[in-house]
Amino acid sequence: MALYHDATVTPSKPDLLAAWVPTQSWCPHPEMPVEVIGAYRFDDPEGQVGMETALVRNADAVLHVPMTYRAEPLEGNDDGLICEMHHTALGTRWVYDGLTDDRLVTMLAAVSITGQGEALGMVSYDGVWHIAPTNVRLRGGGWGLKRVSVDGFVGDVPESGSDESLCRLRNDVFEMVVHRQVAAGSQPELGLTATWPDQPDPMVLTELNAL
């Protein structure tokens, strides 16, 4: 369950995305505005790190933007810091590019190979619980019942001329390709897709291959 708070955040998430996404090499149209389509969340097994992934439109492209929210700076990850955010209920939150944060990468791999783990959004108003639904629907899976490691992923240094819209991560078991720019495609044998009301055909978010 993802617990939402009745709170104000500064900068707002749309403002954060509008400022940061166009500065990234995988944004194809940095001169064009960024519009939020929707988002999905994961649960942190330790209940400490907020994990949210936005899908945004940039001209004719749809971009996949994983983020984490931490109560303290993530040591050794200055390059992955997007900004500091003020949250009226939780105080200062450090916002990171989720693909540079081991916690989100672990959960992204886990959900991709099982299809399980998208968090249900819940918020309490005046002591009454309400759902905070998302318009994004995920589908993953393909792995059997064998226990398997989904931590320890590291990224490769991109080769000159390589497609920067693809983030390649490996651990001892899998290579995971995360699509920064997503496109319609068939469900991978092992991987994650998303749909939303204006996009009934699946958009490929991740693909995994066993090593």
Protein backbone atom coordinates (compact mmCIF):
# COMPACT_ATOMS: atom_id res chain seq x y z
CA MET A 1 0.00 0.00 0.00
CA ALA A 2 1.26 3.48 -0.88
CA LEU A 3 0.22 5.98 1.79
CA TYR A 4 -0.59 9.41 0.38
CA HIS A 5 -0.66 12.43 2.67
CA ASP A 6 -3.03 15.38 2.70
CA ALA A 7 -0.12 17.72 2.09
CA THR A 8 1.45 20.27 -0.22
CA VAL A 9 4.81 19.67 -1.88
CA THR A 10 7.15 22.33 -3.22
CA PRO A 11 8.08 22.13 -6.01
CA SER A 12 4.97 20.32 -7.19
CA LYS A 13 5.57 17.09 -9.06
CA PRO A 14 4.47 18.53 -12.43
CA ASP A 15 6.81 21.49 -11.89
CA LEU A 16 9.65 19.17 -10.87
CA LEU A 17 9.21 17.07 -14.01
CA ALA A 18 8.84 20.11 -16.26
CA ALA A 19 12.15 21.49 -14.97
CA TRP A 20 14.21 18.27 -14.87
CA VAL A 21 13.10 16.05 -17.75
CA PRO A 22 14.09 18.50 -20.56
CA THR A 23 17.65 18.62 -19.17
CA GLN A 24 18.15 14.88 -19.70
CA SER A 25 19.85 13.39 -22.76
CA TRP A 26 16.96 10.94 -23.25
CA CYS A 27 14.39 13.77 -23.62
CA PRO A 28 13.91 14.07 -27.41
CA HIS A 29 12.30 17.52 -27.47
CA PRO A 30 13.79 19.65 -24.67
CA GLU A 31 12.27 22.80 -26.16
CA MET A 32 8.75 21.37 -25.79
CA PRO A 33 6.64 21.18 -22.61
CA VAL A 34 6.28 18.07 -20.46
CA GLU A 35 2.74 16.89 -19.63
CA VAL A 36 2.05 14.27 -16.96
CA ILE A 37 -0.05 11.35 -18.23
CA GLY A 38 -0.16 9.34 -15.01
CA ALA A 39 1.96 7.48 -12.50
CA TYR A 40 2.37 4.23 -10.61
CA ARG A 41 4.00 3.36 -7.27
CA PHE A 42 5.84 0.52 -5.59
CA ASP A 43 5.99 -0.41 -1.92
CA ASP A 44 9.37 -0.30 -0.19
CA PRO A 45 9.86 -3.62 1.66
CA GLU A 46 11.39 -1.63 4.54
CA GLY A 47 8.75 1.12 4.46
CA GLN A 48 11.27 3.96 4.20
CA VAL A 49 11.61 5.03 0.56
CA GLY A 50 8.82 6.51 -1.54
CA MET A 51 8.88 5.12 -5.08
CA GLU A 52 6.84 6.69 -7.85
CA THR A 53 7.18 6.50 -11.62
CA ALA A 54 5.66 9.16 -13.84
CA LEU A 55 4.70 8.73 -17.48
CA VAL A 56 4.93 12.05 -19.28
CA ARG A 57 4.28 13.29 -22.79
CA ASN A 58 6.93 15.35 -24.57
CA ALA A 59 5.64 16.33 -28.03
CA ASP A 60 5.23 12.98 -29.83
CA ALA A 61 7.18 10.96 -27.23
CA VAL A 62 6.08 9.24 -24.02
CA LEU A 63 8.79 9.18 -21.36
CA HIS A 64 9.15 6.80 -18.40
CA VAL A 65 10.47 8.66 -15.34
CA PRO A 66 11.08 6.60 -12.16
CA MET A 67 11.75 8.63 -8.99
CA THR A 68 12.44 7.95 -5.33
CA TYR A 69 11.71 10.15 -2.32
CA ARG A 70 14.05 9.82 0.64
CA ALA A 71 14.09 11.37 4.11
CA GLU A 72 17.89 11.75 3.96
CA PRO A 73 20.40 12.16 1.14
CA LEU A 74 21.45 8.91 -0.53
CA GLU A 75 25.16 8.64 0.11
CA GLY A 76 27.29 8.49 -3.01
CA ASN A 77 24.47 9.43 -5.40
CA ASP A 78 24.92 13.16 -5.91
CA ASP A 79 24.64 12.69 -9.68
CA GLY A 80 21.22 11.07 -9.31
CA LEU A 81 19.71 13.88 -7.20
CA ILE A 82 16.88 15.66 -9.00
CA CYS A 83 16.02 18.20 -6.31
CA GLU A 84 15.08 18.75 -2.69
CA MET A 85 11.35 18.91 -2.09
CA HIS A 86 9.49 20.39 0.87
CA HIS A 87 6.59 18.23 2.04
CA THR A 88 4.25 19.87 4.55
CA ALA A 89 3.65 16.56 6.36
CA LEU A 90 7.07 14.88 6.03
CA GLY A 91 9.51 17.78 5.83
CA THR A 92 12.41 17.81 3.39
CA ARG A 93 12.50 14.97 0.87
CA TRP A 94 15.44 14.25 -1.41
CA VAL A 95 14.16 13.28 -4.87
CA TYR A 96 16.33 10.96 -6.97
CA ASP A 97 16.32 9.55 -10.47
CA GLY A 98 14.90 6.13 -9.63
CA LEU A 99 17.18 4.29 -12.03
CA THR A 100 20.15 5.44 -9.92
CA ASP A 101 18.54 4.21 -6.68
CA ASP A 102 19.02 0.51 -5.87
CA ARG A 103 15.72 0.29 -4.00
CA LEU A 104 13.57 1.27 -6.97
CA VAL A 105 15.63 -0.81 -9.42
CA THR A 106 15.11 -3.88 -7.21
CA MET A 107 11.36 -3.36 -7.10
CA LEU A 108 11.13 -2.58 -10.82
CA ALA A 109 12.86 -5.89 -11.58
CA ALA A 110 10.66 -7.78 -9.12
CA VAL A 111 7.41 -6.43 -10.54
CA SER A 112 8.62 -6.91 -14.11
CA ILE A 113 9.28 -10.62 -13.64
CA THR A 114 6.22 -11.44 -11.51
CA GLY A 115 3.55 -8.90 -12.44
CA GLN A 116 2.97 -8.40 -8.71
CA GLY A 117 3.77 -5.39 -6.57
CA GLU A 118 2.10 -2.25 -7.89
CA ALA A 119 1.07 -0.33 -4.77
CA LEU A 120 -2.53 0.58 -3.98
CA GLY A 121 -2.76 4.29 -3.17
CA MET A 122 -4.57 5.13 0.07
CA VAL A 123 -5.13 8.45 1.84
CA SER A 124 -6.88 9.33 5.10
CA TYR A 125 -9.18 12.36 5.28
CA ASP A 126 -10.73 13.19 8.67
CA GLY A 127 -10.02 9.67 9.90
CA VAL A 128 -11.69 7.98 6.92
CA TRP A 129 -9.65 5.92 4.43
CA HIS A 130 -10.05 6.66 0.72
CA ILE A 131 -8.44 5.12 -2.32
CA ALA A 132 -6.19 7.31 -4.47
CA PRO A 133 -6.49 5.47 -7.78
CA THR A 134 -4.13 5.75 -10.73
CA ASN A 135 -5.09 5.65 -14.40
CA VAL A 136 -1.99 3.58 -15.27
CA ARG A 137 -2.29 -0.22 -15.33
CA LEU A 138 0.76 -2.47 -15.30
CA ARG A 139 1.24 -5.97 -16.61
CA GLY A 140 4.34 -8.07 -16.08
CA GLY A 141 5.37 -11.60 -15.38
CA GLY A 142 6.76 -14.67 -17.06
CA TRP A 143 8.92 -16.03 -14.25
CA GLY A 144 7.97 -19.29 -12.54
CA LEU A 145 7.93 -20.11 -8.84
CA LYS A 146 11.70 -20.38 -8.49
CA ARG A 147 13.17 -17.95 -5.94
CA VAL A 148 15.55 -15.56 -7.66
CA SER A 149 17.69 -12.54 -6.74
CA VAL A 150 16.49 -9.13 -7.91
CA ASP A 151 19.05 -6.91 -6.18
CA GLY A 152 22.60 -5.97 -7.05
CA PHE A 153 21.84 -4.42 -10.44
CA VAL A 154 24.51 -2.14 -11.89
CA GLY A 155 24.45 -0.09 -15.06
CA ASP A 156 26.84 -0.09 -17.97
CA VAL A 157 28.62 3.06 -19.14
CA PRO A 158 26.81 3.96 -22.40
CA GLU A 159 28.87 3.42 -25.52
CA SER A 160 29.43 6.31 -27.90
CA GLY A 161 26.48 6.54 -30.26
CA SER A 162 24.33 4.19 -28.18
CA ASP A 163 20.61 4.76 -27.66
CA GLU A 164 20.43 6.84 -24.48
CA SER A 165 16.71 6.19 -24.21
CA LEU A 166 17.59 2.64 -23.06
CA CYS A 167 19.03 2.05 -19.59
CA ARG A 168 20.76 -1.35 -19.34
CA LEU A 169 21.23 -2.85 -15.88
CA ARG A 170 22.65 -6.24 -14.90
CA ASN A 171 22.96 -8.42 -11.83
CA ASP A 172 24.18 -12.02 -11.60
CA VAL A 173 20.95 -13.38 -13.05
CA PHE A 174 19.38 -10.87 -15.44
CA GLU A 175 19.96 -8.06 -17.85
CA MET A 176 17.13 -5.53 -17.50
CA VAL A 177 16.54 -2.98 -20.24
CA VAL A 178 14.50 -0.02 -19.01
CA HIS A 179 12.91 2.12 -21.71
CA ARG A 180 13.15 5.84 -20.97
CA GLN A 181 11.15 6.48 -24.15
CA VAL A 182 8.33 3.97 -24.37
CA ALA A 183 6.54 2.68 -27.44
CA ALA A 184 3.71 0.29 -28.18
CA GLY A 185 4.78 -3.33 -28.50
CA SER A 186 3.87 -6.87 -27.61
CA GLN A 187 4.13 -8.06 -24.02
CA PRO A 188 7.72 -9.22 -23.46
CA GLU A 189 8.22 -12.82 -22.41
CA LEU A 190 9.73 -11.34 -19.26
CA GLY A 191 9.05 -7.65 -18.68
CA LEU A 192 6.62 -4.87 -17.85
CA THR A 193 4.08 -2.96 -19.93
CA ALA A 194 1.63 -0.17 -19.14
CA THR A 195 -1.72 0.96 -20.48
CA TRP A 196 -3.95 3.93 -19.64
CA PRO A 197 -7.35 5.17 -20.88
CA ASP A 198 -5.98 6.95 -23.98
CA GLN A 199 -3.48 4.16 -24.66
CA PRO A 200 -5.19 0.75 -24.72
CA ASP A 201 -2.29 -0.93 -26.53
CA PRO A 202 0.54 -1.95 -24.18
CA MET A 203 3.60 0.32 -23.96
CA VAL A 204 6.81 -1.52 -23.13
CA LEU A 205 8.56 -0.26 -19.98
CA THR A 206 11.10 -3.00 -19.27
CA GLU A 207 12.47 -6.19 -20.81
CA LEU A 208 14.52 -8.79 -18.95
CA ASN A 209 16.72 -11.60 -20.19
CA ALA A 210 18.21 -14.31 -18.03
CA LEU A 211 22.01 -14.42 -18.31
